[in-house]
Amino acid sequence: MCDSSSEIGKYIYFTRGRRIILSSHLALLYDVPVKRLNEQIKRNFLRFPDDFAFKLTPEEWTSLQQNPQCPNLKSQIATSSSHGGNRKIPWAFTEYGVIQAASVLNSDRAIEMSIRVVRAFVHLRQSSQSIKKLDEKLLNLTQRVDGHDYQLESIVDTIHRLESEETKKRKKKIGFGNE
């Protein structure tokens, strides 16, 4: 099963401005059938407000399946038929929903994996913040280089202007009749 944040991270996607994990992947991590997880969500619906878990829209589900960043969903497209595959649109769990699902399932495996999944969410959040900081630094460097380009261009223009003035001065000959 998945032991590291990076292995669990491959099941975490981004939709509606949030990081989510699908019910099928959460059930896999918690080592329970998807059917049982869905039953527990229905029985404990009040424990799963929209910021904990939500049902994907058909458009969101299709978009996730077609996204090259979501390779774990490709096989579900190929196997989906009248017999087998994922015929229902899955639930999406946020970081909070992962913890809540573990509490309603009440199994040692679910509790253990919820801790790992939350750590994976945190790791992704930290990575995202690091990338944003790097983007800001790159933008600052780009702006500085652009400023240097302008300054260098100005220096080169000044040198060319001075050279052309010097050339004009050299062309004047000394003596009578050269005025």
N, C-alpha and C. Protein backbone atom coordinates (compact mmCIF):
# COMPACT_ATOMS: atom_id res chain seq x y z
N MET A 1 0.85 -1.18 0.00
CA MET A 1 0.00 0.00 0.00
C MET A 1 0.89 1.24 0.00
N CYS A 2 0.30 2.40 -0.02
CA CYS A 2 1.05 3.65 -0.07
C CYS A 2 1.64 3.97 1.30
N ASP A 3 2.93 4.24 1.33
CA ASP A 3 3.58 4.52 2.59
C ASP A 3 4.10 5.95 2.70
N SER A 4 4.38 6.58 1.59
CA SER A 4 4.98 7.91 1.66
C SER A 4 4.02 8.98 1.15
N SER A 5 4.34 10.22 1.51
CA SER A 5 3.53 11.35 1.06
C SER A 5 3.48 11.44 -0.45
N SER A 6 4.62 11.14 -1.10
CA SER A 6 4.64 11.26 -2.57
C SER A 6 3.76 10.19 -3.22
N GLU A 7 3.72 8.99 -2.63
CA GLU A 7 2.85 7.94 -3.18
C GLU A 7 1.39 8.31 -2.99
N ILE A 8 1.05 8.84 -1.84
CA ILE A 8 -0.33 9.27 -1.58
C ILE A 8 -0.65 10.51 -2.41
N GLY A 9 0.36 11.38 -2.59
CA GLY A 9 0.17 12.61 -3.34
C GLY A 9 -0.31 12.40 -4.76
N LYS A 10 -0.02 11.24 -5.34
CA LYS A 10 -0.46 10.99 -6.72
C LYS A 10 -1.98 10.85 -6.81
N TYR A 11 -2.65 10.67 -5.67
CA TYR A 11 -4.11 10.56 -5.65
C TYR A 11 -4.78 11.90 -5.31
N ILE A 12 -4.00 12.92 -5.09
CA ILE A 12 -4.56 14.21 -4.72
C ILE A 12 -4.63 15.09 -5.97
N TYR A 13 -5.83 15.62 -6.23
CA TYR A 13 -6.09 16.43 -7.41
C TYR A 13 -6.55 17.81 -6.97
N PHE A 14 -6.73 18.70 -7.94
CA PHE A 14 -7.13 20.07 -7.65
C PHE A 14 -8.39 20.39 -8.44
N THR A 15 -9.44 20.74 -7.73
CA THR A 15 -10.68 21.17 -8.37
C THR A 15 -11.43 22.11 -7.43
N ARG A 16 -12.23 23.00 -7.98
CA ARG A 16 -12.97 24.01 -7.21
C ARG A 16 -12.05 24.81 -6.29
N GLY A 17 -10.82 24.98 -6.69
CA GLY A 17 -9.88 25.75 -5.89
C GLY A 17 -9.38 25.03 -4.65
N ARG A 18 -9.60 23.71 -4.60
CA ARG A 18 -9.19 22.92 -3.44
C ARG A 18 -8.45 21.68 -3.88
N ARG A 19 -7.63 21.17 -2.98
CA ARG A 19 -7.01 19.87 -3.19
C ARG A 19 -7.98 18.82 -2.67
N ILE A 20 -8.16 17.77 -3.46
CA ILE A 20 -9.13 16.73 -3.10
C ILE A 20 -8.55 15.35 -3.35
N ILE A 21 -9.19 14.36 -2.73
CA ILE A 21 -8.90 12.96 -3.03
C ILE A 21 -10.25 12.31 -3.29
N LEU A 22 -10.33 11.47 -4.30
CA LEU A 22 -11.60 10.86 -4.68
C LEU A 22 -11.95 9.69 -3.77
N SER A 23 -13.23 9.42 -3.66
CA SER A 23 -13.70 8.35 -2.77
C SER A 23 -13.09 7.00 -3.12
N SER A 24 -12.91 6.72 -4.40
CA SER A 24 -12.33 5.42 -4.78
C SER A 24 -10.89 5.29 -4.28
N HIS A 25 -10.13 6.36 -4.34
CA HIS A 25 -8.75 6.33 -3.86
C HIS A 25 -8.69 6.31 -2.34
N LEU A 26 -9.61 7.05 -1.71
CA LEU A 26 -9.64 7.06 -0.25
C LEU A 26 -10.01 5.68 0.28
N ALA A 27 -10.97 5.03 -0.37
CA ALA A 27 -11.35 3.67 0.03
C ALA A 27 -10.17 2.71 -0.14
N LEU A 28 -9.43 2.88 -1.22
CA LEU A 28 -8.25 2.05 -1.45
C LEU A 28 -7.22 2.25 -0.33
N LEU A 29 -6.98 3.50 0.03
CA LEU A 29 -6.02 3.79 1.09
C LEU A 29 -6.50 3.28 2.45
N TYR A 30 -7.80 3.41 2.70
CA TYR A 30 -8.36 2.97 3.98
C TYR A 30 -8.65 1.47 4.01
N ASP A 31 -8.45 0.82 2.87
CA ASP A 31 -8.65 -0.63 2.75
C ASP A 31 -10.09 -1.03 3.09
N VAL A 32 -11.03 -0.27 2.52
CA VAL A 32 -12.45 -0.60 2.66
C VAL A 32 -13.07 -0.53 1.27
N PRO A 33 -14.15 -1.25 1.05
CA PRO A 33 -14.84 -1.13 -0.25
C PRO A 33 -15.42 0.28 -0.42
N VAL A 34 -15.43 0.76 -1.65
CA VAL A 34 -15.99 2.08 -1.93
C VAL A 34 -17.44 2.13 -1.47
N LYS A 35 -18.14 1.03 -1.65
CA LYS A 35 -19.54 0.95 -1.24
C LYS A 35 -19.70 1.25 0.25
N ARG A 36 -18.81 0.70 1.06
CA ARG A 36 -18.90 0.93 2.52
C ARG A 36 -18.61 2.39 2.85
N LEU A 37 -17.61 2.96 2.18
CA LEU A 37 -17.29 4.37 2.41
C LEU A 37 -18.48 5.25 2.04
N ASN A 38 -19.09 4.98 0.89
CA ASN A 38 -20.26 5.76 0.46
C ASN A 38 -21.43 5.59 1.43
N GLU A 39 -21.63 4.38 1.95
CA GLU A 39 -22.69 4.15 2.94
C GLU A 39 -22.47 5.01 4.18
N GLN A 40 -21.23 5.05 4.64
CA GLN A 40 -20.92 5.83 5.85
C GLN A 40 -21.11 7.33 5.61
N ILE A 41 -20.82 7.78 4.41
CA ILE A 41 -21.04 9.19 4.09
C ILE A 41 -22.53 9.50 4.13
N LYS A 42 -23.34 8.60 3.55
CA LYS A 42 -24.79 8.82 3.55
C LYS A 42 -25.37 8.77 4.96
N ARG A 43 -24.89 7.84 5.77
CA ARG A 43 -25.39 7.72 7.15
C ARG A 43 -24.98 8.92 8.01
N ASN A 44 -23.83 9.47 7.73
CA ASN A 44 -23.29 10.56 8.53
C ASN A 44 -23.17 11.85 7.72
N PHE A 45 -24.17 12.10 6.90
CA PHE A 45 -24.12 13.21 5.96
C PHE A 45 -23.84 14.55 6.64
N LEU A 46 -24.38 14.77 7.83
CA LEU A 46 -24.19 16.04 8.53
C LEU A 46 -22.74 16.27 8.94
N ARG A 47 -21.96 15.22 8.99
CA ARG A 47 -20.55 15.35 9.36
C ARG A 47 -19.68 15.76 8.17
N PHE A 48 -20.28 15.85 6.99
CA PHE A 48 -19.53 16.17 5.78
C PHE A 48 -20.09 17.40 5.07
N PRO A 49 -19.86 18.59 5.64
CA PRO A 49 -20.29 19.80 4.93
C PRO A 49 -19.48 19.96 3.64
N ASP A 50 -19.87 20.91 2.82
CA ASP A 50 -19.24 21.09 1.50
C ASP A 50 -17.74 21.33 1.55
N ASP A 51 -17.24 21.88 2.64
CA ASP A 51 -15.79 22.10 2.70
C ASP A 51 -15.05 20.86 3.19
N PHE A 52 -15.78 19.77 3.48
CA PHE A 52 -15.18 18.48 3.85
C PHE A 52 -15.27 17.49 2.70
N ALA A 53 -16.44 17.41 2.08
CA ALA A 53 -16.66 16.47 0.98
C ALA A 53 -17.79 16.99 0.09
N PHE A 54 -17.70 16.68 -1.18
CA PHE A 54 -18.76 17.08 -2.11
C PHE A 54 -18.76 16.12 -3.28
N LYS A 55 -19.91 16.03 -3.91
CA LYS A 55 -20.07 15.19 -5.09
C LYS A 55 -19.60 16.01 -6.30
N LEU A 56 -18.74 15.43 -7.11
CA LEU A 56 -18.28 16.12 -8.32
C LEU A 56 -19.44 16.27 -9.30
N THR A 57 -19.41 17.32 -10.09
CA THR A 57 -20.39 17.45 -11.16
C THR A 57 -19.90 16.58 -12.32
N PRO A 58 -20.78 16.21 -13.25
CA PRO A 58 -20.34 15.43 -14.41
C PRO A 58 -19.22 16.13 -15.19
N GLU A 59 -19.29 17.46 -15.29
CA GLU A 59 -18.26 18.21 -16.00
C GLU A 59 -16.91 18.13 -15.28
N GLU A 60 -16.94 18.26 -13.95
CA GLU A 60 -15.70 18.17 -13.17
C GLU A 60 -15.08 16.78 -13.30
N TRP A 61 -15.94 15.76 -13.25
CA TRP A 61 -15.47 14.38 -13.34
C TRP A 61 -14.82 14.13 -14.70
N THR A 62 -15.48 14.58 -15.77
CA THR A 62 -14.93 14.43 -17.12
C THR A 62 -13.62 15.19 -17.25
N SER A 63 -13.59 16.40 -16.73
CA SER A 63 -12.38 17.22 -16.79
C SER A 63 -11.21 16.54 -16.07
N LEU A 64 -11.47 15.96 -14.90
CA LEU A 64 -10.42 15.24 -14.18
C LEU A 64 -9.93 14.03 -14.96
N GLN A 65 -10.87 13.30 -15.55
CA GLN A 65 -10.50 12.10 -16.31
C GLN A 65 -9.64 12.44 -17.53
N GLN A 66 -9.91 13.59 -18.14
CA GLN A 66 -9.19 13.97 -19.36
C GLN A 66 -7.90 14.74 -19.08
N ASN A 67 -7.68 15.10 -17.84
CA ASN A 67 -6.51 15.87 -17.46
C ASN A 67 -5.26 14.99 -17.46
N PRO A 68 -4.22 15.35 -18.22
CA PRO A 68 -3.00 14.53 -18.23
C PRO A 68 -2.28 14.52 -16.88
N GLN A 69 -2.62 15.47 -16.00
CA GLN A 69 -2.03 15.49 -14.66
C GLN A 69 -2.66 14.45 -13.74
N CYS A 70 -3.70 13.76 -14.21
CA CYS A 70 -4.42 12.77 -13.40
C CYS A 70 -4.35 11.39 -14.04
N PRO A 71 -3.16 10.80 -14.14
CA PRO A 71 -3.03 9.51 -14.83
C PRO A 71 -3.73 8.37 -14.11
N ASN A 72 -4.00 8.49 -12.82
CA ASN A 72 -4.65 7.43 -12.06
C ASN A 72 -6.12 7.26 -12.43
N LEU A 73 -6.66 8.17 -13.22
CA LEU A 73 -8.06 8.08 -13.62
C LEU A 73 -8.23 7.53 -15.02
N LYS A 74 -7.13 7.37 -15.76
CA LYS A 74 -7.21 6.91 -17.14
C LYS A 74 -7.80 5.52 -17.25
N SER A 75 -7.41 4.62 -16.37
CA SER A 75 -7.89 3.25 -16.46
C SER A 75 -9.39 3.18 -16.22
N GLN A 76 -9.92 4.14 -15.45
CA GLN A 76 -11.34 4.13 -15.19
C GLN A 76 -12.13 4.51 -16.44
N ILE A 77 -11.53 5.27 -17.32
CA ILE A 77 -12.20 5.61 -18.58
C ILE A 77 -12.27 4.35 -19.44
N ALA A 78 -11.17 3.63 -19.52
CA ALA A 78 -11.10 2.46 -20.39
C ALA A 78 -11.99 1.33 -19.91
N THR A 79 -12.13 1.16 -18.59
CA THR A 79 -12.89 0.03 -18.07
C THR A 79 -14.35 0.36 -17.85
N SER A 80 -14.71 1.61 -17.95
CA SER A 80 -16.09 1.97 -17.68
C SER A 80 -16.99 1.42 -18.78
N SER A 81 -17.88 0.57 -18.40
CA SER A 81 -18.85 -0.01 -19.34
C SER A 81 -20.08 -0.39 -18.53
N SER A 82 -20.95 -1.17 -19.12
CA SER A 82 -22.14 -1.57 -18.38
C SER A 82 -21.82 -2.57 -17.28
N HIS A 83 -20.65 -3.19 -17.31
CA HIS A 83 -20.24 -4.15 -16.29
C HIS A 83 -18.86 -3.79 -15.77
N GLY A 84 -18.80 -3.10 -14.68
CA GLY A 84 -17.50 -2.79 -14.08
C GLY A 84 -17.08 -1.36 -14.36
N GLY A 85 -15.97 -0.99 -13.78
CA GLY A 85 -15.51 0.38 -13.92
C GLY A 85 -16.26 1.28 -12.98
N ASN A 86 -15.99 2.54 -13.05
CA ASN A 86 -16.62 3.51 -12.16
C ASN A 86 -17.83 4.10 -12.86
N ARG A 87 -19.03 3.62 -12.50
CA ARG A 87 -20.25 4.07 -13.17
C ARG A 87 -20.87 5.27 -12.49
N LYS A 88 -20.50 5.53 -11.24
CA LYS A 88 -21.05 6.67 -10.51
C LYS A 88 -19.99 7.74 -10.37
N ILE A 89 -20.45 8.96 -10.36
CA ILE A 89 -19.53 10.07 -10.15
C ILE A 89 -19.08 10.02 -8.69
N PRO A 90 -17.76 10.08 -8.46
CA PRO A 90 -17.26 9.91 -7.09
C PRO A 90 -17.42 11.14 -6.21
N TRP A 91 -17.29 10.89 -4.92
CA TRP A 91 -17.20 11.96 -3.94
C TRP A 91 -15.77 12.49 -3.96
N ALA A 92 -15.63 13.76 -3.64
CA ALA A 92 -14.32 14.38 -3.50
C ALA A 92 -14.16 14.81 -2.04
N PHE A 93 -13.06 14.40 -1.42
CA PHE A 93 -12.80 14.72 -0.02
C PHE A 93 -11.66 15.72 0.09
N THR A 94 -11.89 16.76 0.88
CA THR A 94 -10.81 17.69 1.17
C THR A 94 -10.01 17.12 2.34
N GLU A 95 -9.00 17.85 2.74
CA GLU A 95 -8.15 17.43 3.86
C GLU A 95 -9.00 17.15 5.10
N TYR A 96 -9.99 18.00 5.35
CA TYR A 96 -10.85 17.82 6.53
C TYR A 96 -11.75 16.60 6.38
N GLY A 97 -12.23 16.38 5.16
CA GLY A 97 -13.09 15.23 4.91
C GLY A 97 -12.37 13.91 5.08
N VAL A 98 -11.07 13.90 4.79
CA VAL A 98 -10.26 12.69 4.96
C VAL A 98 -10.26 12.28 6.43
N ILE A 99 -10.07 13.25 7.31
CA ILE A 99 -10.06 12.97 8.75
C ILE A 99 -11.44 12.52 9.21
N GLN A 100 -12.47 13.22 8.74
CA GLN A 100 -13.83 12.87 9.15
C GLN A 100 -14.22 11.48 8.67
N ALA A 101 -13.81 11.12 7.46
CA ALA A 101 -14.12 9.78 6.94
C ALA A 101 -13.47 8.71 7.81
N ALA A 102 -12.25 8.96 8.24
CA ALA A 102 -11.57 8.00 9.12
C ALA A 102 -12.32 7.84 10.43
N SER A 103 -12.88 8.93 10.93
CA SER A 103 -13.60 8.85 12.21
C SER A 103 -14.91 8.09 12.07
N VAL A 104 -15.60 8.22 10.94
CA VAL A 104 -16.86 7.48 10.79
C VAL A 104 -16.62 6.01 10.43
N LEU A 105 -15.50 5.72 9.78
CA LEU A 105 -15.18 4.32 9.47
C LEU A 105 -14.69 3.60 10.72
N ASN A 106 -14.00 4.33 11.59
CA ASN A 106 -13.57 3.83 12.88
C ASN A 106 -12.77 2.53 12.78
N SER A 107 -11.78 2.51 11.90
CA SER A 107 -10.88 1.35 11.83
C SER A 107 -9.45 1.83 12.02
N ASP A 108 -8.61 0.97 12.54
CA ASP A 108 -7.21 1.34 12.76
C ASP A 108 -6.53 1.74 11.46
N ARG A 109 -6.81 0.99 10.41
CA ARG A 109 -6.21 1.27 9.10
C ARG A 109 -6.63 2.66 8.61
N ALA A 110 -7.92 3.00 8.76
CA ALA A 110 -8.41 4.30 8.31
C ALA A 110 -7.75 5.43 9.10
N ILE A 111 -7.60 5.24 10.39
CA ILE A 111 -6.96 6.26 11.22
C ILE A 111 -5.50 6.44 10.82
N GLU A 112 -4.79 5.34 10.65
CA GLU A 112 -3.37 5.39 10.25
C GLU A 112 -3.21 6.09 8.90
N MET A 113 -4.04 5.70 7.94
CA MET A 113 -3.91 6.28 6.60
C MET A 113 -4.39 7.73 6.56
N SER A 114 -5.37 8.10 7.39
CA SER A 114 -5.82 9.49 7.38
C SER A 114 -4.69 10.41 7.81
N ILE A 115 -3.89 9.96 8.77
CA ILE A 115 -2.73 10.75 9.21
C ILE A 115 -1.76 10.92 8.05
N ARG A 116 -1.51 9.84 7.32
CA ARG A 116 -0.59 9.92 6.18
C ARG A 116 -1.14 10.79 5.06
N VAL A 117 -2.44 10.68 4.82
CA VAL A 117 -3.05 11.49 3.75
C VAL A 117 -2.99 12.97 4.12
N VAL A 118 -3.28 13.29 5.37
CA VAL A 118 -3.21 14.69 5.80
C VAL A 118 -1.78 15.21 5.66
N ARG A 119 -0.81 14.38 6.00
CA ARG A 119 0.59 14.79 5.82
C ARG A 119 0.90 15.04 4.35
N ALA A 120 0.33 14.23 3.48
CA ALA A 120 0.53 14.44 2.03
C ALA A 120 -0.09 15.76 1.59
N PHE A 121 -1.29 16.08 2.09
CA PHE A 121 -1.92 17.37 1.79
C PHE A 121 -1.01 18.52 2.25
N VAL A 122 -0.50 18.41 3.46
CA VAL A 122 0.37 19.46 4.01
C VAL A 122 1.64 19.58 3.17
N HIS A 123 2.22 18.46 2.79
CA HIS A 123 3.43 18.46 1.96
C HIS A 123 3.17 19.16 0.63
N LEU A 124 2.03 18.87 0.01
CA LEU A 124 1.69 19.52 -1.26
C LEU A 124 1.49 21.02 -1.08
N ARG A 125 0.86 21.41 0.03
CA ARG A 125 0.64 22.82 0.30
C ARG A 125 1.99 23.54 0.47
N GLN A 126 2.91 22.92 1.21
CA GLN A 126 4.22 23.52 1.41
C GLN A 126 4.99 23.60 0.09
N SER A 127 4.90 22.56 -0.72
CA SER A 127 5.56 22.57 -2.03
C SER A 127 5.01 23.69 -2.90
N SER A 128 3.70 23.85 -2.86
CA SER A 128 3.05 24.89 -3.64
C SER A 128 3.52 26.27 -3.21
N GLN A 129 3.65 26.48 -1.89
CA GLN A 129 4.13 27.76 -1.39
C GLN A 129 5.58 28.01 -1.80
N SER A 130 6.39 26.97 -1.78
CA SER A 130 7.79 27.10 -2.21
C SER A 130 7.87 27.48 -3.68
N ILE A 131 7.02 26.88 -4.49
CA ILE A 131 7.00 27.19 -5.92
C ILE A 131 6.58 28.64 -6.14
N LYS A 132 5.60 29.11 -5.36
CA LYS A 132 5.17 30.51 -5.49
C LYS A 132 6.32 31.46 -5.15
N LYS A 133 7.06 31.13 -4.09
CA LYS A 133 8.20 31.97 -3.70
C LYS A 133 9.26 31.99 -4.79
N LEU A 134 9.53 30.82 -5.38
CA LEU A 134 10.50 30.75 -6.48
C LEU A 134 10.03 31.56 -7.69
N ASP A 135 8.72 31.49 -7.98
CA ASP A 135 8.17 32.28 -9.08
C ASP A 135 8.36 33.77 -8.85
N GLU A 136 8.14 34.21 -7.60
CA GLU A 136 8.32 35.63 -7.27
C GLU A 136 9.79 36.04 -7.45
N LYS A 137 10.71 35.20 -6.98
CA LYS A 137 12.13 35.51 -7.13
C LYS A 137 12.52 35.57 -8.61
N LEU A 138 12.00 34.63 -9.40
CA LEU A 138 12.30 34.62 -10.83
C LEU A 138 11.77 35.89 -11.50
N LEU A 139 10.57 36.31 -11.12
CA LEU A 139 9.99 37.53 -11.67
C LEU A 139 10.87 38.73 -11.31
N ASN A 140 11.32 38.80 -10.05
CA ASN A 140 12.19 39.91 -9.62
C ASN A 140 13.49 39.92 -10.41
N LEU A 141 14.09 38.74 -10.59
CA LEU A 141 15.33 38.65 -11.37
C LEU A 141 15.11 39.06 -12.82
N THR A 142 14.00 38.64 -13.39
CA THR A 142 13.68 39.00 -14.77
C THR A 142 13.54 40.51 -14.90
N GLN A 143 12.87 41.13 -13.93
CA GLN A 143 12.71 42.58 -13.98
C GLN A 143 14.06 43.29 -13.84
N ARG A 144 14.93 42.76 -12.98
CA ARG A 144 16.26 43.36 -12.82
C ARG A 144 17.06 43.23 -14.11
N VAL A 145 17.01 42.05 -14.73
CA VAL A 145 17.74 41.84 -15.98
C VAL A 145 17.19 42.75 -17.07
N ASP A 146 15.86 42.88 -17.12
CA ASP A 146 15.26 43.79 -18.11
C ASP A 146 15.76 45.22 -17.87
N GLY A 147 15.87 45.63 -16.61
CA GLY A 147 16.39 46.95 -16.27
C GLY A 147 17.83 47.10 -16.72
N HIS A 148 18.61 46.04 -16.52
CA HIS A 148 20.01 46.07 -16.96
C HIS A 148 20.09 46.15 -18.48
N ASP A 149 19.22 45.45 -19.17
CA ASP A 149 19.20 45.52 -20.63
C ASP A 149 19.00 46.96 -21.10
N TYR A 150 18.05 47.64 -20.46
CA TYR A 150 17.78 49.03 -20.83
C TYR A 150 19.00 49.90 -20.56
N GLN A 151 19.64 49.70 -19.41
CA GLN A 151 20.82 50.49 -19.06
C GLN A 151 21.97 50.22 -20.03
N LEU A 152 22.19 48.95 -20.35
CA LEU A 152 23.26 48.60 -21.30
C LEU A 152 22.99 49.19 -22.68
N GLU A 153 21.74 49.13 -23.09
CA GLU A 153 21.37 49.69 -24.40
C GLU A 153 21.64 51.19 -24.41
N SER A 154 21.34 51.86 -23.32
CA SER A 154 21.58 53.29 -23.20
C SER A 154 23.08 53.59 -23.27
N ILE A 155 23.90 52.79 -22.60
CA ILE A 155 25.36 52.96 -22.61
C ILE A 155 25.90 52.76 -24.02
N VAL A 156 25.45 51.70 -24.70
CA VAL A 156 25.91 51.42 -26.06
C VAL A 156 25.52 52.56 -27.00
N ASP A 157 24.30 53.08 -26.87
CA ASP A 157 23.87 54.21 -27.70
C ASP A 157 24.75 55.43 -27.47
N THR A 158 25.07 55.69 -26.21
CA THR A 158 25.93 56.83 -25.87
C THR A 158 27.32 56.66 -26.48
N ILE A 159 27.88 55.46 -26.40
CA ILE A 159 29.19 55.18 -26.99
C ILE A 159 29.16 55.40 -28.49
N HIS A 160 28.12 54.90 -29.16
CA HIS A 160 27.99 55.08 -30.62
C HIS A 160 27.88 56.57 -30.97
N ARG A 161 27.13 57.31 -30.19
CA ARG A 161 26.96 58.74 -30.45
C ARG A 161 28.31 59.47 -30.28
N LEU A 162 29.03 59.12 -29.21
CA LEU A 162 30.34 59.74 -28.98
C LEU A 162 31.33 59.39 -30.09
N GLU A 163 31.29 58.12 -30.55
CA GLU A 163 32.18 57.70 -31.64
C GLU A 163 31.88 58.47 -32.92
N SER A 164 30.59 58.65 -33.22
CA SER A 164 30.23 59.37 -34.45
C SER A 164 30.63 60.84 -34.36
N GLU A 165 30.51 61.45 -33.17
CA GLU A 165 30.95 62.83 -32.99
C GLU A 165 32.46 62.93 -33.16
N GLU A 166 33.18 61.95 -32.62
CA GLU A 166 34.65 61.92 -32.74
C GLU A 166 35.06 61.77 -34.20
N THR A 167 34.33 60.95 -34.94
CA THR A 167 34.63 60.74 -36.36
C THR A 167 34.42 62.04 -37.13
N LYS A 168 33.36 62.77 -36.84
CA LYS A 168 33.09 64.04 -37.52
C LYS A 168 34.20 65.05 -37.23
N LYS A 169 34.69 65.07 -36.00
CA LYS A 169 35.75 66.01 -35.63
C LYS A 169 37.03 65.68 -36.38
N ARG A 170 37.33 64.40 -36.59
CA ARG A 170 38.55 63.99 -37.28
C ARG A 170 38.52 64.36 -38.76
N LYS A 171 37.36 64.42 -39.37
CA LYS A 171 37.25 64.70 -40.80
C LYS A 171 37.63 66.15 -41.13
N LYS A 172 37.51 67.06 -40.20
CA LYS A 172 37.86 68.45 -40.46
C LYS A 172 39.38 68.56 -40.53
N LYS A 173 39.87 69.08 -41.65
CA LYS A 173 41.31 69.25 -41.83
C LYS A 173 41.72 70.64 -41.38
N ILE A 174 42.91 70.72 -40.95
CA ILE A 174 43.43 72.00 -40.48
C ILE A 174 43.99 72.76 -41.70
N GLY A 175 43.74 74.02 -41.75
CA GLY A 175 44.31 74.82 -42.81
C GLY A 175 43.28 75.71 -43.47
N PHE A 176 43.81 76.51 -44.51
CA PHE A 176 42.92 77.42 -45.21
C PHE A 176 42.07 76.68 -46.22
N GLY A 177 40.85 77.12 -46.42
CA GLY A 177 39.96 76.57 -47.43
C GLY A 177 39.26 75.29 -47.01
N ASN A 178 39.33 74.92 -45.78
CA ASN A 178 38.66 73.70 -45.31
C ASN A 178 37.46 74.02 -44.42
N GLU A 179 36.97 75.21 -44.56
CA GLU A 179 35.90 75.62 -43.67
C GLU A 179 34.57 75.22 -44.15
